[in-house]
Amino acid sequence: MAKTAASAKSQKSLSEMSVDEKLRALFDLQIMDSKIDQIRTLRGELPLEVNDLEDEVEGLNAQISRKSEEILAMESEISAKKNLMKESAMLITKYEQQQGNVRNNREFDSLSKEIEYQSLEIQLAEKRIREFGARIEILKQELAAFEEKRTERQANLDIKREELDAIVAETQKDEEALLEKSQAFESKIEDRYLNAYKRIRANAVNGLAVVHIDRDSCGGCFNTLPPQHILDIALRKRINQCEHCGRIIVDAELALEENEKLG
């Protein structure tokens, strides 16, 4: 409750700022955020490339794992079939021995059928072993291809990570300092203007939400501004936006003063 009251008090204090102060706070925030954008631009597409490569390596690892598991399953099936063949061979030997001690033709025929059945079991097991063996060869070829591709992608990922880490190391301190300043400027802006700033900035290709007049035109979309609009902006009696792109516009004098102040 106390925090809410303090926040409300803070917002009331911000609302009492002059339009000039509000415009300067917004433009200063834009300066800081643009500098942060420049640092992140230096990194280029590297963060995205690293993420894409990480996803690809992860996908290849999953494929390799699945192929390896399938090979193990096939080898287990072959082992089971070989054990079945041994059991069938033992039964055939047993039945053949029993045939020498039969008392009538019916017992002999019954044992013959059992021998025939076990022989068919051996033939079927041999067929399955050949099929499993052929499948294993295919899987091993696929596995080798995935492993080769993973090695290549992992090497590429390691290089990209090193490049990104080097750039981040060079710019991290500067970015952190700018982020602190950006947050400090945000605290000087009313919620309604800050929300509008962030919304405009998110939709702007170049990240510019606050621009200055440039040769009687909007510094964001470069559309010519009406003379009365230019005059209103120069008077700083209210916060003006471009009728074409919606960006907040300040006069060139204010922009020059703030750029010189912040370097």
Protein backbone atom coordinates (compact mmCIF):
# COMPACT_ATOMS: atom_id res chain seq x y z
CA MET A 1 0.00 0.00 0.00
CA ALA A 2 2.85 2.35 0.93
CA LYS A 3 4.64 1.50 -2.33
CA THR A 4 1.52 2.29 -4.36
CA ALA A 5 1.14 5.60 -2.57
CA ALA A 6 4.79 6.44 -3.21
CA SER A 7 4.38 5.56 -6.88
CA ALA A 8 1.29 7.72 -7.16
CA LYS A 9 3.15 10.58 -5.48
CA SER A 10 6.06 10.12 -7.87
CA GLN A 11 3.74 10.18 -10.89
CA LYS A 12 2.08 13.33 -9.54
CA SER A 13 5.50 14.93 -9.20
CA LEU A 14 6.38 13.98 -12.78
CA SER A 15 3.10 15.39 -14.07
CA GLU A 16 4.08 18.73 -12.55
CA MET A 17 7.17 18.90 -14.76
CA SER A 18 7.11 21.50 -17.50
CA VAL A 19 6.56 20.40 -21.11
CA ASP A 20 10.14 21.43 -21.84
CA GLU A 21 11.42 19.12 -19.08
CA LYS A 22 9.24 16.26 -20.32
CA LEU A 23 10.47 16.69 -23.89
CA ARG A 24 14.09 16.77 -22.75
CA ALA A 25 13.60 13.61 -20.64
CA LEU A 26 12.04 11.80 -23.61
CA PHE A 27 14.77 12.93 -26.00
CA ASP A 28 17.51 12.00 -23.50
CA LEU A 29 15.97 8.54 -23.15
CA GLN A 30 15.99 8.21 -26.93
CA ILE A 31 19.66 9.21 -27.08
CA MET A 32 20.58 6.51 -24.54
CA ASP A 33 18.45 3.82 -26.21
CA SER A 34 19.90 4.69 -29.63
CA LYS A 35 23.41 4.27 -28.26
CA ILE A 36 22.40 0.87 -26.86
CA ASP A 37 20.98 -0.02 -30.29
CA GLN A 38 24.31 0.93 -31.90
CA ILE A 39 26.21 -1.39 -29.55
CA ARG A 40 23.81 -4.25 -30.26
CA THR A 41 24.05 -3.59 -33.99
CA LEU A 42 27.81 -4.15 -33.72
CA ARG A 43 26.99 -7.73 -32.77
CA GLY A 44 25.04 -8.00 -36.00
CA GLU A 45 23.29 -11.29 -36.62
CA LEU A 46 25.70 -13.22 -34.38
CA PRO A 47 23.24 -13.78 -31.48
CA LEU A 48 20.64 -15.14 -33.91
CA GLU A 49 23.24 -17.26 -35.70
CA VAL A 50 24.41 -18.70 -32.37
CA ASN A 51 20.81 -19.48 -31.34
CA ASP A 52 20.09 -21.13 -34.70
CA LEU A 53 23.25 -23.24 -34.50
CA GLU A 54 22.49 -24.23 -30.90
CA ASP A 55 19.01 -25.35 -31.97
CA GLU A 56 20.45 -27.27 -34.93
CA VAL A 57 23.09 -29.04 -32.80
CA GLU A 58 20.42 -29.90 -30.24
CA GLY A 59 18.23 -31.34 -33.02
CA LEU A 60 21.15 -33.38 -34.39
CA ASN A 61 21.90 -34.71 -30.91
CA ALA A 62 18.28 -35.84 -30.64
CA GLN A 63 18.49 -37.56 -34.06
CA ILE A 64 21.76 -39.27 -33.10
CA SER A 65 20.23 -40.44 -29.83
CA ARG A 66 17.19 -41.87 -31.61
CA LYS A 67 19.29 -43.64 -34.25
CA SER A 68 21.61 -45.08 -31.57
CA GLU A 69 18.63 -46.34 -29.56
CA GLU A 70 17.11 -47.92 -32.68
CA ILE A 71 20.41 -49.68 -33.47
CA LEU A 72 20.57 -51.05 -29.92
CA ALA A 73 16.98 -52.25 -30.22
CA MET A 74 17.77 -54.01 -33.52
CA GLU A 75 20.89 -55.63 -32.04
CA SER A 76 18.80 -56.79 -29.08
CA GLU A 77 16.27 -58.31 -31.50
CA ILE A 78 19.09 -60.11 -33.37
CA SER A 79 20.42 -61.47 -30.08
CA ALA A 80 16.93 -62.70 -29.16
CA LYS A 81 16.50 -64.36 -32.57
CA LYS A 82 19.89 -66.08 -32.25
CA ASN A 83 18.89 -67.43 -28.83
CA LEU A 84 15.60 -68.63 -30.35
CA MET A 85 17.55 -70.43 -33.11
CA LYS A 86 19.73 -72.15 -30.53
CA GLU A 87 16.66 -73.27 -28.60
CA SER A 88 15.01 -74.52 -31.79
CA ALA A 89 18.17 -76.40 -32.80
CA MET A 90 18.31 -78.04 -29.37
CA LEU A 91 14.65 -79.05 -29.67
CA ILE A 92 15.25 -80.51 -33.16
CA THR A 93 18.12 -82.60 -31.78
CA LYS A 94 15.93 -83.69 -28.90
CA TYR A 95 12.99 -84.61 -31.16
CA GLU A 96 15.26 -86.49 -33.58
CA GLN A 97 16.63 -88.53 -30.70
CA GLN A 98 13.09 -89.23 -29.50
CA GLN A 99 12.13 -90.46 -32.98
CA GLY A 100 14.50 -93.39 -32.46
CA ASN A 101 12.45 -94.56 -29.51
CA VAL A 102 8.88 -94.09 -30.77
CA ARG A 103 6.37 -96.90 -30.42
CA ASN A 104 4.16 -96.11 -33.42
CA ASN A 105 3.88 -94.00 -36.56
CA ARG A 106 1.62 -91.44 -34.91
CA GLU A 107 4.32 -90.50 -32.39
CA PHE A 108 6.90 -90.41 -35.19
CA ASP A 109 4.69 -88.09 -37.29
CA SER A 110 4.02 -85.85 -34.27
CA LEU A 111 7.75 -85.45 -33.63
CA SER A 112 8.33 -84.84 -37.35
CA LYS A 113 5.83 -81.97 -37.25
CA GLU A 114 7.60 -80.50 -34.21
CA ILE A 115 10.94 -80.77 -36.04
CA GLU A 116 9.40 -79.10 -39.10
CA TYR A 117 7.94 -76.33 -36.94
CA GLN A 118 11.27 -75.65 -35.22
CA SER A 119 13.02 -75.66 -38.61
CA LEU A 120 10.56 -73.02 -39.83
CA GLU A 121 11.24 -71.03 -36.66
CA ILE A 122 14.95 -71.12 -37.47
CA GLN A 123 14.31 -70.02 -41.07
CA LEU A 124 12.05 -67.18 -39.92
CA ALA A 125 14.61 -66.10 -37.33
CA GLU A 126 17.34 -66.09 -39.98
CA LYS A 127 15.14 -63.94 -42.21
CA ARG A 128 14.47 -61.48 -39.39
CA ILE A 129 18.19 -61.36 -38.55
CA ARG A 130 18.99 -60.48 -42.18
CA GLU A 131 16.29 -57.77 -42.15
CA PHE A 132 17.51 -56.36 -38.84
CA GLY A 133 21.10 -56.47 -40.11
CA ALA A 134 20.17 -54.55 -43.26
CA ARG A 135 18.27 -51.99 -41.18
CA ILE A 136 21.25 -51.61 -38.84
CA GLU A 137 23.54 -50.88 -41.80
CA ILE A 138 21.18 -48.14 -42.99
CA LEU A 139 20.91 -46.71 -39.48
CA LYS A 140 24.70 -46.71 -39.07
CA GLN A 141 25.08 -44.80 -42.35
CA GLU A 142 22.44 -42.27 -41.23
CA LEU A 143 24.08 -42.05 -37.80
CA ALA A 144 27.50 -41.39 -39.35
CA ALA A 145 25.99 -38.63 -41.53
CA PHE A 146 24.33 -36.99 -38.51
CA GLU A 147 27.53 -37.22 -36.45
CA GLU A 148 29.57 -35.69 -39.27
CA LYS A 149 27.05 -32.88 -39.63
CA ARG A 150 27.00 -32.32 -35.86
CA THR A 151 30.80 -32.10 -35.76
CA GLU A 152 30.71 -29.49 -38.51
CA ARG A 153 27.91 -27.49 -36.91
CA GLN A 154 29.50 -27.70 -33.45
CA ALA A 155 32.80 -26.38 -34.80
CA ASN A 156 30.92 -23.51 -36.47
CA LEU A 157 28.99 -22.86 -33.26
CA ASP A 158 32.20 -22.72 -31.21
CA ILE A 159 33.65 -20.14 -33.62
CA LYS A 160 30.49 -18.01 -33.56
CA ARG A 161 30.32 -18.18 -29.76
CA GLU A 162 33.92 -17.01 -29.48
CA GLU A 163 33.20 -14.11 -31.84
CA LEU A 164 30.07 -13.16 -29.90
CA ASP A 165 31.78 -13.47 -26.52
CA ALA A 166 34.62 -11.24 -27.73
CA ILE A 167 32.21 -8.55 -28.94
CA VAL A 168 30.10 -8.78 -25.78
CA ALA A 169 33.23 -8.52 -23.62
CA GLU A 170 34.26 -5.35 -25.49
CA THR A 171 30.87 -3.68 -25.25
CA GLN A 172 29.29 -5.10 -22.10
CA LYS A 173 30.49 -2.40 -19.71
CA ASP A 174 29.39 0.36 -22.07
CA GLU A 175 26.00 -1.29 -22.57
CA GLU A 176 25.46 -1.76 -18.83
CA ALA A 177 26.33 1.90 -18.17
CA LEU A 178 23.94 3.04 -20.89
CA LEU A 179 21.19 0.77 -19.59
CA GLU A 180 21.55 2.36 -16.14
CA LYS A 181 21.27 5.82 -17.67
CA SER A 182 18.29 4.71 -19.77
CA GLN A 183 16.51 3.44 -16.66
CA ALA A 184 17.33 6.67 -14.85
CA PHE A 185 15.73 8.69 -17.66
CA GLU A 186 12.70 6.38 -17.67
CA SER A 187 12.13 7.22 -14.01
CA LYS A 188 11.77 10.89 -15.02
CA ILE A 189 8.93 10.20 -17.46
CA GLU A 190 5.23 9.76 -16.73
CA ASP A 191 3.84 6.29 -17.37
CA ARG A 192 1.53 7.43 -20.17
CA TYR A 193 4.40 9.04 -22.10
CA LEU A 194 6.81 6.22 -21.32
CA ASN A 195 4.29 3.63 -22.54
CA ALA A 196 3.69 5.66 -25.70
CA TYR A 197 7.44 5.97 -26.23
CA LYS A 198 7.97 2.22 -25.90
CA ARG A 199 5.04 1.43 -28.18
CA ILE A 200 6.27 3.79 -30.92
CA ARG A 201 9.84 2.57 -30.56
CA ALA A 202 8.80 -1.07 -30.83
CA ASN A 203 7.01 -0.38 -34.11
CA ALA A 204 9.78 1.78 -35.58
CA VAL A 205 12.26 0.00 -37.86
CA ASN A 206 15.13 2.20 -36.68
CA GLY A 207 14.03 2.26 -33.04
CA LEU A 208 13.39 6.02 -33.10
CA ALA A 209 10.38 7.13 -31.09
CA VAL A 210 11.55 10.72 -30.47
CA VAL A 211 13.02 12.73 -33.35
CA HIS A 212 13.78 16.36 -34.10
CA ILE A 213 12.73 18.59 -36.96
CA ASP A 214 15.08 18.24 -39.89
CA ARG A 215 14.69 20.89 -42.61
CA ASP A 216 10.99 21.38 -41.85
CA SER A 217 10.41 17.63 -41.95
CA CYS A 218 9.91 14.84 -39.42
CA GLY A 219 13.31 13.36 -38.54
CA GLY A 220 11.75 9.90 -38.53
CA CYS A 221 9.65 9.54 -41.68
CA PHE A 222 10.95 12.71 -43.43
CA ASN A 223 7.49 13.92 -44.37
CA THR A 224 7.19 17.72 -44.55
CA LEU A 225 5.55 19.28 -41.50
CA PRO A 226 2.94 22.06 -41.78
CA PRO A 227 4.26 25.52 -40.72
CA GLN A 228 1.78 25.70 -37.81
CA HIS A 229 2.92 22.31 -36.57
CA ILE A 230 6.56 23.43 -36.70
CA LEU A 231 5.66 26.53 -34.71
CA ASP A 232 3.78 24.47 -32.08
CA ILE A 233 6.80 22.19 -31.67
CA ALA A 234 9.15 25.15 -31.25
CA LEU A 235 6.90 26.71 -28.58
CA ARG A 236 7.09 23.53 -26.43
CA LYS A 237 3.66 24.05 -24.96
CA ARG A 238 2.62 20.46 -25.50
CA ILE A 239 4.07 17.16 -26.69
CA ASN A 240 3.61 16.94 -30.45
CA GLN A 241 3.57 13.86 -32.66
CA CYS A 242 4.10 13.45 -36.39
CA GLU A 243 0.78 13.17 -38.22
CA HIS A 244 2.30 10.58 -40.57
CA CYS A 245 4.39 8.19 -38.41
CA GLY A 246 3.25 9.05 -34.87
CA ARG A 247 6.75 9.79 -33.58
CA ILE A 248 7.21 12.42 -30.88
CA ILE A 249 8.90 15.48 -32.38
CA VAL A 250 11.12 18.05 -30.69
CA ASP A 251 12.66 21.17 -32.18
CA ALA A 252 16.21 21.16 -33.53
CA GLU A 253 17.48 23.57 -30.84
CA LEU A 254 16.39 21.29 -27.98
CA ALA A 255 17.91 18.27 -29.78
CA LEU A 256 21.22 20.08 -30.23
CA GLU A 257 21.36 21.13 -26.57
CA GLU A 258 20.65 17.59 -25.31
CA ASN A 259 23.10 15.95 -27.71
CA GLU A 260 25.84 18.34 -26.57
CA LYS A 261 24.94 17.72 -22.92
CA LEU A 262 25.02 13.92 -23.22
CA GLY A 263 27.84 13.72 -25.71
